[in-house]
Amino acid sequence: MRNVETDQLRYFYGSLGNARMLDFAVLISNQDDLRSFLEDICDFDMRERIERPDTKWVPVTIINIIFFVSLLPYIPVGCRVNVS
């Protein structure tokens, strides 16, 4: 991030609590689900979701993204589909 007044740069580290990309878990159980998820991710603007100290800090570039993926066999999480 860059301060628009001072040009100071700051590295923003996103974690589970401060920069979620999605508001809900996504179930991917087939190729169509994966394709749809990837399309949604490509259209997503992470800069809108970053928590800034104040409006003087603006995103410059995103250099890394971490996805947490869980395989939960036979445990549907928020969905009625049985993942196996």
C-alpha atoms as a PDB file:
ATOM      1  CA  MET A   1       0.000   0.000   0.000  1.00  0.00           C
ATOM      2  CA  ARG A   2       1.105   3.549  -0.600  1.00  0.00           C
ATOM      3  CA  ASN A   3       0.298   6.666   1.369  1.00  0.00           C
ATOM      4  CA  VAL A   4      -1.005   9.273  -1.082  1.00  0.00           C
ATOM      5  CA  GLU A   5       0.400  12.161   0.959  1.00  0.00           C
ATOM      6  CA  THR A   6       3.872  10.892   1.865  1.00  0.00           C
ATOM      7  CA  ASP A   7       4.492   8.195  -0.795  1.00  0.00           C
ATOM      8  CA  GLN A   8       5.468   5.867   2.063  1.00  0.00           C
ATOM      9  CA  LEU A   9       5.056   2.197   1.152  1.00  0.00           C
ATOM     10  CA  ARG A  10       3.680  -0.461   3.485  1.00  0.00           C
ATOM     11  CA  TYR A  11       3.407  -4.211   3.016  1.00  0.00           C
ATOM     12  CA  PHE A  12      -0.044  -5.535   3.806  1.00  0.00           C
ATOM     13  CA  TYR A  13      -0.211  -9.113   5.069  1.00  0.00           C
ATOM     14  CA  GLY A  14      -3.619 -10.657   4.632  1.00  0.00           C
ATOM     15  CA  SER A  15      -4.705 -13.367   7.050  1.00  0.00           C
ATOM     16  CA  LEU A  16      -7.875 -15.297   7.787  1.00  0.00           C
ATOM     17  CA  GLY A  17      -9.326 -12.449   9.794  1.00  0.00           C
ATOM     18  CA  ASN A  18      -8.523  -9.313   7.842  1.00  0.00           C
ATOM     19  CA  ALA A  19      -8.777  -9.920   4.097  1.00  0.00           C
ATOM     20  CA  ARG A  20     -11.274 -12.559   3.144  1.00  0.00           C
ATOM     21  CA  MET A  21     -11.899 -12.975  -0.507  1.00  0.00           C
ATOM     22  CA  LEU A  22     -15.250 -14.696  -0.081  1.00  0.00           C
ATOM     23  CA  ASP A  23     -18.017 -14.176   2.450  1.00  0.00           C
ATOM     24  CA  PHE A  24     -18.932 -17.867   2.397  1.00  0.00           C
ATOM     25  CA  ALA A  25     -17.459 -21.297   1.757  1.00  0.00           C
ATOM     26  CA  VAL A  26     -17.693 -22.647  -1.772  1.00  0.00           C
ATOM     27  CA  LEU A  27     -18.398 -26.297  -2.504  1.00  0.00           C
ATOM     28  CA  ILE A  28     -16.605 -27.577  -5.597  1.00  0.00           C
ATOM     29  CA  SER A  29     -17.834 -31.048  -6.433  1.00  0.00           C
ATOM     30  CA  ASN A  30     -17.360 -31.193 -10.211  1.00  0.00           C
ATOM     31  CA  GLN A  31     -15.655 -29.509 -13.164  1.00  0.00           C
ATOM     32  CA  ASP A  32     -18.513 -27.052 -13.700  1.00  0.00           C
ATOM     33  CA  ASP A  33     -18.293 -25.885 -10.069  1.00  0.00           C
ATOM     34  CA  LEU A  34     -14.545 -25.392 -10.446  1.00  0.00           C
ATOM     35  CA  ARG A  35     -14.961 -23.512 -13.713  1.00  0.00           C
ATOM     36  CA  SER A  36     -17.585 -21.236 -12.176  1.00  0.00           C
ATOM     37  CA  PHE A  37     -15.402 -20.594  -9.116  1.00  0.00           C
ATOM     38  CA  LEU A  38     -12.398 -19.693 -11.275  1.00  0.00           C
ATOM     39  CA  GLU A  39     -14.508 -17.307 -13.358  1.00  0.00           C
ATOM     40  CA  ASP A  40     -15.739 -15.598 -10.180  1.00  0.00           C
ATOM     41  CA  ILE A  41     -12.192 -15.290  -8.841  1.00  0.00           C
ATOM     42  CA  CYS A  42     -10.941 -13.772 -12.102  1.00  0.00           C
ATOM     43  CA  ASP A  43     -13.637 -11.074 -11.898  1.00  0.00           C
ATOM     44  CA  PHE A  44     -12.921 -10.322  -8.226  1.00  0.00           C
ATOM     45  CA  ASP A  45     -11.154  -7.085  -7.273  1.00  0.00           C
ATOM     46  CA  MET A  46      -9.248  -7.770  -4.046  1.00  0.00           C
ATOM     47  CA  ARG A  47      -8.336  -4.089  -3.732  1.00  0.00           C
ATOM     48  CA  GLU A  48     -11.924  -3.379  -2.711  1.00  0.00           C
ATOM     49  CA  ARG A  49     -11.694  -5.798   0.235  1.00  0.00           C
ATOM     50  CA  ILE A  50      -8.402  -4.724   1.809  1.00  0.00           C
ATOM     51  CA  GLU A  51      -8.778  -3.086   5.201  1.00  0.00           C
ATOM     52  CA  ARG A  52      -6.786   0.129   5.171  1.00  0.00           C
ATOM     53  CA  PRO A  53      -5.638   2.165   8.185  1.00  0.00           C
ATOM     54  CA  ASP A  54      -7.390   5.146   6.597  1.00  0.00           C
ATOM     55  CA  THR A  55      -8.285   6.448   3.138  1.00  0.00           C
ATOM     56  CA  LYS A  56      -4.818   7.902   2.610  1.00  0.00           C
ATOM     57  CA  TRP A  57      -3.484   4.368   2.040  1.00  0.00           C
ATOM     58  CA  VAL A  58      -4.206   2.886  -1.382  1.00  0.00           C
ATOM     59  CA  PRO A  59      -3.302  -0.540  -2.793  1.00  0.00           C
ATOM     60  CA  VAL A  60      -0.420  -0.483  -5.260  1.00  0.00           C
ATOM     61  CA  THR A  61      -0.162  -4.101  -6.340  1.00  0.00           C
ATOM     62  CA  ILE A  62      -1.068  -7.542  -5.069  1.00  0.00           C
ATOM     63  CA  ILE A  63       2.002  -9.739  -4.934  1.00  0.00           C
ATOM     64  CA  ASN A  64       0.602 -12.903  -3.364  1.00  0.00           C
ATOM     65  CA  ILE A  65      -2.666 -14.625  -2.469  1.00  0.00           C
ATOM     66  CA  ILE A  66      -3.127 -17.627  -0.201  1.00  0.00           C
ATOM     67  CA  PHE A  67      -6.117 -19.957  -0.499  1.00  0.00           C
ATOM     68  CA  PHE A  68      -6.995 -22.284   2.351  1.00  0.00           C
ATOM     69  CA  VAL A  69      -8.562 -25.452   0.949  1.00  0.00           C
ATOM     70  CA  SER A  70     -10.087 -28.230   3.032  1.00  0.00           C
ATOM     71  CA  LEU A  71     -11.183 -31.655   1.876  1.00  0.00           C
ATOM     72  CA  LEU A  72     -13.845 -32.932   4.234  1.00  0.00           C
ATOM     73  CA  PRO A  73     -14.920 -36.368   2.989  1.00  0.00           C
ATOM     74  CA  TYR A  74     -18.523 -37.259   3.848  1.00  0.00           C
ATOM     75  CA  ILE A  75     -18.989 -33.981   5.750  1.00  0.00           C
ATOM     76  CA  PRO A  76     -21.132 -31.444   3.922  1.00  0.00           C
ATOM     77  CA  VAL A  77     -20.324 -27.942   5.135  1.00  0.00           C
ATOM     78  CA  GLY A  78     -23.148 -25.544   4.370  1.00  0.00           C
ATOM     79  CA  CYS A  79     -24.434 -27.728   1.573  1.00  0.00           C
ATOM     80  CA  ARG A  80     -26.576 -30.828   1.201  1.00  0.00           C
ATOM     81  CA  VAL A  81     -24.172 -32.521  -1.216  1.00  0.00           C
ATOM     82  CA  ASN A  82     -22.063 -35.373   0.171  1.00  0.00           C
ATOM     83  CA  VAL A  83     -18.423 -34.808  -0.800  1.00  0.00           C
ATOM     84  CA  SER A  84     -16.528 -38.065  -1.339  1.00  0.00           C
END
